[in-house]
Amino acid sequence: MAHQLAHSLQRLRPIGDAARLARVPVEGKPMNGHRIDIPARDGTWWSSYTDVIVANDLVLMPIFDSDPPMMVEAARRAYKKRLPNHSVKTVDMTSLKALQGERNC
């Protein structure tokens, strides 16, 4: 199952493909995804919002100082809605902007 999921994820386009994800079975059910709007950065669409760390009941969501506050708040609310028992905190990763947000990839 994990290999099938990994193989399916490898074929996804960089921006993502929610329809393709919905066809990937997870425990016999379709995967449920949610899109999070991200700002364009240097003419590309790489995201820090989806490169989160979840530890116990905490979600650490990377942001950059150039991110529009409304987009940051919308992303934070999306995580809070889907993980209601978790605290969602932002972490300023501006110093890694030259690496296009690659904190752990």
C-alpha atoms as a PDB file:
ATOM      1  CA  MET A   1       0.000   0.000   0.000  1.00  0.00           C
ATOM      2  CA  ALA A   2       2.738   2.492   0.939  1.00  0.00           C
ATOM      3  CA  HIS A   3       4.635   1.685  -2.270  1.00  0.00           C
ATOM      4  CA  GLN A   4       1.493   2.276  -4.347  1.00  0.00           C
ATOM      5  CA  LEU A   5       0.937   5.628  -2.639  1.00  0.00           C
ATOM      6  CA  ALA A   6       4.570   6.663  -3.092  1.00  0.00           C
ATOM      7  CA  HIS A   7       4.471   5.673  -6.770  1.00  0.00           C
ATOM      8  CA  SER A   8       1.254   7.659  -7.305  1.00  0.00           C
ATOM      9  CA  LEU A   9       2.671  10.715  -5.568  1.00  0.00           C
ATOM     10  CA  GLN A  10       5.811  10.615  -7.743  1.00  0.00           C
ATOM     11  CA  ARG A  11       3.685  11.048 -10.864  1.00  0.00           C
ATOM     12  CA  LEU A  12       1.956  14.204  -9.629  1.00  0.00           C
ATOM     13  CA  ARG A  13       2.667  17.517 -11.264  1.00  0.00           C
ATOM     14  CA  PRO A  14       4.469  20.108  -9.082  1.00  0.00           C
ATOM     15  CA  ILE A  15       1.316  22.165  -8.474  1.00  0.00           C
ATOM     16  CA  GLY A  16      -0.580  19.009  -7.525  1.00  0.00           C
ATOM     17  CA  ASP A  17      -3.429  17.027  -8.971  1.00  0.00           C
ATOM     18  CA  ALA A  18      -6.337  16.630  -6.569  1.00  0.00           C
ATOM     19  CA  ALA A  19      -8.294  14.450  -9.007  1.00  0.00           C
ATOM     20  CA  ARG A  20      -5.412  11.960  -9.261  1.00  0.00           C
ATOM     21  CA  LEU A  21      -4.968  11.926  -5.472  1.00  0.00           C
ATOM     22  CA  ALA A  22      -8.671  11.174  -5.030  1.00  0.00           C
ATOM     23  CA  ARG A  23      -8.132   7.932  -6.989  1.00  0.00           C
ATOM     24  CA  VAL A  24      -5.365   6.711  -4.653  1.00  0.00           C
ATOM     25  CA  PRO A  25      -6.914   4.277  -2.164  1.00  0.00           C
ATOM     26  CA  VAL A  26      -5.953   4.692   1.470  1.00  0.00           C
ATOM     27  CA  GLU A  27      -7.364   1.985   3.722  1.00  0.00           C
ATOM     28  CA  GLY A  28      -9.902   1.193   0.992  1.00  0.00           C
ATOM     29  CA  LYS A  29     -11.166   4.777   0.693  1.00  0.00           C
ATOM     30  CA  PRO A  30     -10.222   7.596  -1.686  1.00  0.00           C
ATOM     31  CA  MET A  31      -7.624  10.030  -0.401  1.00  0.00           C
ATOM     32  CA  ASN A  32      -9.200  13.280   0.738  1.00  0.00           C
ATOM     33  CA  GLY A  33      -7.144  16.340  -0.125  1.00  0.00           C
ATOM     34  CA  HIS A  34      -7.541  20.063   0.375  1.00  0.00           C
ATOM     35  CA  ARG A  35      -5.987  22.802  -1.731  1.00  0.00           C
ATOM     36  CA  ILE A  36      -4.190  25.615   0.032  1.00  0.00           C
ATOM     37  CA  ASP A  37      -3.632  28.808  -1.939  1.00  0.00           C
ATOM     38  CA  ILE A  38      -0.001  29.880  -2.100  1.00  0.00           C
ATOM     39  CA  PRO A  39       1.562  33.086  -3.384  1.00  0.00           C
ATOM     40  CA  ALA A  40       3.748  33.093  -6.492  1.00  0.00           C
ATOM     41  CA  ARG A  41       7.410  33.321  -5.583  1.00  0.00           C
ATOM     42  CA  ASP A  42       9.998  34.390  -8.120  1.00  0.00           C
ATOM     43  CA  GLY A  43       7.679  33.317 -10.961  1.00  0.00           C
ATOM     44  CA  THR A  44       7.181  29.795  -9.554  1.00  0.00           C
ATOM     45  CA  TRP A  45       4.638  28.125  -7.261  1.00  0.00           C
ATOM     46  CA  TRP A  46       6.651  26.387  -4.557  1.00  0.00           C
ATOM     47  CA  SER A  47       5.020  26.374  -1.161  1.00  0.00           C
ATOM     48  CA  SER A  48       6.098  26.521   2.398  1.00  0.00           C
ATOM     49  CA  TYR A  49       2.571  26.078   3.782  1.00  0.00           C
ATOM     50  CA  THR A  50       2.418  22.405   2.820  1.00  0.00           C
ATOM     51  CA  ASP A  51       5.857  21.541   4.213  1.00  0.00           C
ATOM     52  CA  VAL A  52       4.642  21.390   7.796  1.00  0.00           C
ATOM     53  CA  ILE A  53       5.873  19.482  10.813  1.00  0.00           C
ATOM     54  CA  VAL A  54       3.230  17.745  12.926  1.00  0.00           C
ATOM     55  CA  ALA A  55       4.403  16.717  16.380  1.00  0.00           C
ATOM     56  CA  ASN A  56       1.962  15.505  19.020  1.00  0.00           C
ATOM     57  CA  ASP A  57      -0.758  18.184  19.029  1.00  0.00           C
ATOM     58  CA  LEU A  58       1.322  20.889  17.315  1.00  0.00           C
ATOM     59  CA  VAL A  59       1.474  21.879  13.624  1.00  0.00           C
ATOM     60  CA  LEU A  60       4.437  24.072  12.652  1.00  0.00           C
ATOM     61  CA  MET A  61       3.663  25.864   9.376  1.00  0.00           C
ATOM     62  CA  PRO A  62       6.571  27.601   7.603  1.00  0.00           C
ATOM     63  CA  ILE A  63       5.939  31.102   6.210  1.00  0.00           C
ATOM     64  CA  PHE A  64       7.996  33.875   4.599  1.00  0.00           C
ATOM     65  CA  ASP A  65       7.951  37.557   5.496  1.00  0.00           C
ATOM     66  CA  SER A  66       6.693  38.358   1.971  1.00  0.00           C
ATOM     67  CA  ASP A  67       3.592  36.131   2.297  1.00  0.00           C
ATOM     68  CA  PRO A  68       0.299  38.042   2.257  1.00  0.00           C
ATOM     69  CA  PRO A  69      -1.158  37.858   5.793  1.00  0.00           C
ATOM     70  CA  MET A  70      -4.575  36.831   4.437  1.00  0.00           C
ATOM     71  CA  MET A  71      -3.059  33.792   2.669  1.00  0.00           C
ATOM     72  CA  VAL A  72      -1.105  32.803   5.775  1.00  0.00           C
ATOM     73  CA  GLU A  73      -4.268  33.013   7.876  1.00  0.00           C
ATOM     74  CA  ALA A  74      -6.289  31.021   5.313  1.00  0.00           C
ATOM     75  CA  ALA A  75      -3.648  28.259   5.337  1.00  0.00           C
ATOM     76  CA  ARG A  76      -3.530  28.288   9.136  1.00  0.00           C
ATOM     77  CA  ARG A  77      -7.340  27.980   9.288  1.00  0.00           C
ATOM     78  CA  ALA A  78      -7.273  25.090   6.791  1.00  0.00           C
ATOM     79  CA  TYR A  79      -4.957  23.106   9.076  1.00  0.00           C
ATOM     80  CA  LYS A  80      -6.976  24.037  12.156  1.00  0.00           C
ATOM     81  CA  LYS A  81     -10.208  22.896  10.470  1.00  0.00           C
ATOM     82  CA  ARG A  82      -8.742  19.516   9.546  1.00  0.00           C
ATOM     83  CA  LEU A  83      -6.789  19.064  12.782  1.00  0.00           C
ATOM     84  CA  PRO A  84      -9.096  20.684  15.360  1.00  0.00           C
ATOM     85  CA  ASN A  85      -7.254  19.262  18.383  1.00  0.00           C
ATOM     86  CA  HIS A  86      -3.920  20.683  17.221  1.00  0.00           C
ATOM     87  CA  SER A  87      -2.331  24.057  17.822  1.00  0.00           C
ATOM     88  CA  VAL A  88      -1.155  25.618  14.524  1.00  0.00           C
ATOM     89  CA  LYS A  89       1.869  27.883  14.802  1.00  0.00           C
ATOM     90  CA  THR A  90       3.784  29.686  12.060  1.00  0.00           C
ATOM     91  CA  VAL A  91       7.572  29.678  11.759  1.00  0.00           C
ATOM     92  CA  ASP A  92       9.315  32.429   9.761  1.00  0.00           C
ATOM     93  CA  MET A  93      11.565  30.694   7.239  1.00  0.00           C
ATOM     94  CA  THR A  94      12.573  33.809   5.291  1.00  0.00           C
ATOM     95  CA  SER A  95      16.252  32.971   5.717  1.00  0.00           C
ATOM     96  CA  LEU A  96      15.667  29.826   3.595  1.00  0.00           C
ATOM     97  CA  LYS A  97      13.879  31.628   0.771  1.00  0.00           C
ATOM     98  CA  ALA A  98      16.895  31.206  -1.534  1.00  0.00           C
ATOM     99  CA  LEU A  99      16.370  27.440  -1.185  1.00  0.00           C
ATOM    100  CA  GLN A 100      12.711  27.818  -2.270  1.00  0.00           C
ATOM    101  CA  GLY A 101      11.436  26.759   1.110  1.00  0.00           C
ATOM    102  CA  GLU A 102      13.259  23.434   1.207  1.00  0.00           C
ATOM    103  CA  ARG A 103      13.504  22.931   4.928  1.00  0.00           C
ATOM    104  CA  ASN A 104      13.637  19.138   4.986  1.00  0.00           C
ATOM    105  CA  CYS A 105      13.184  17.848   1.426  1.00  0.00           C
END
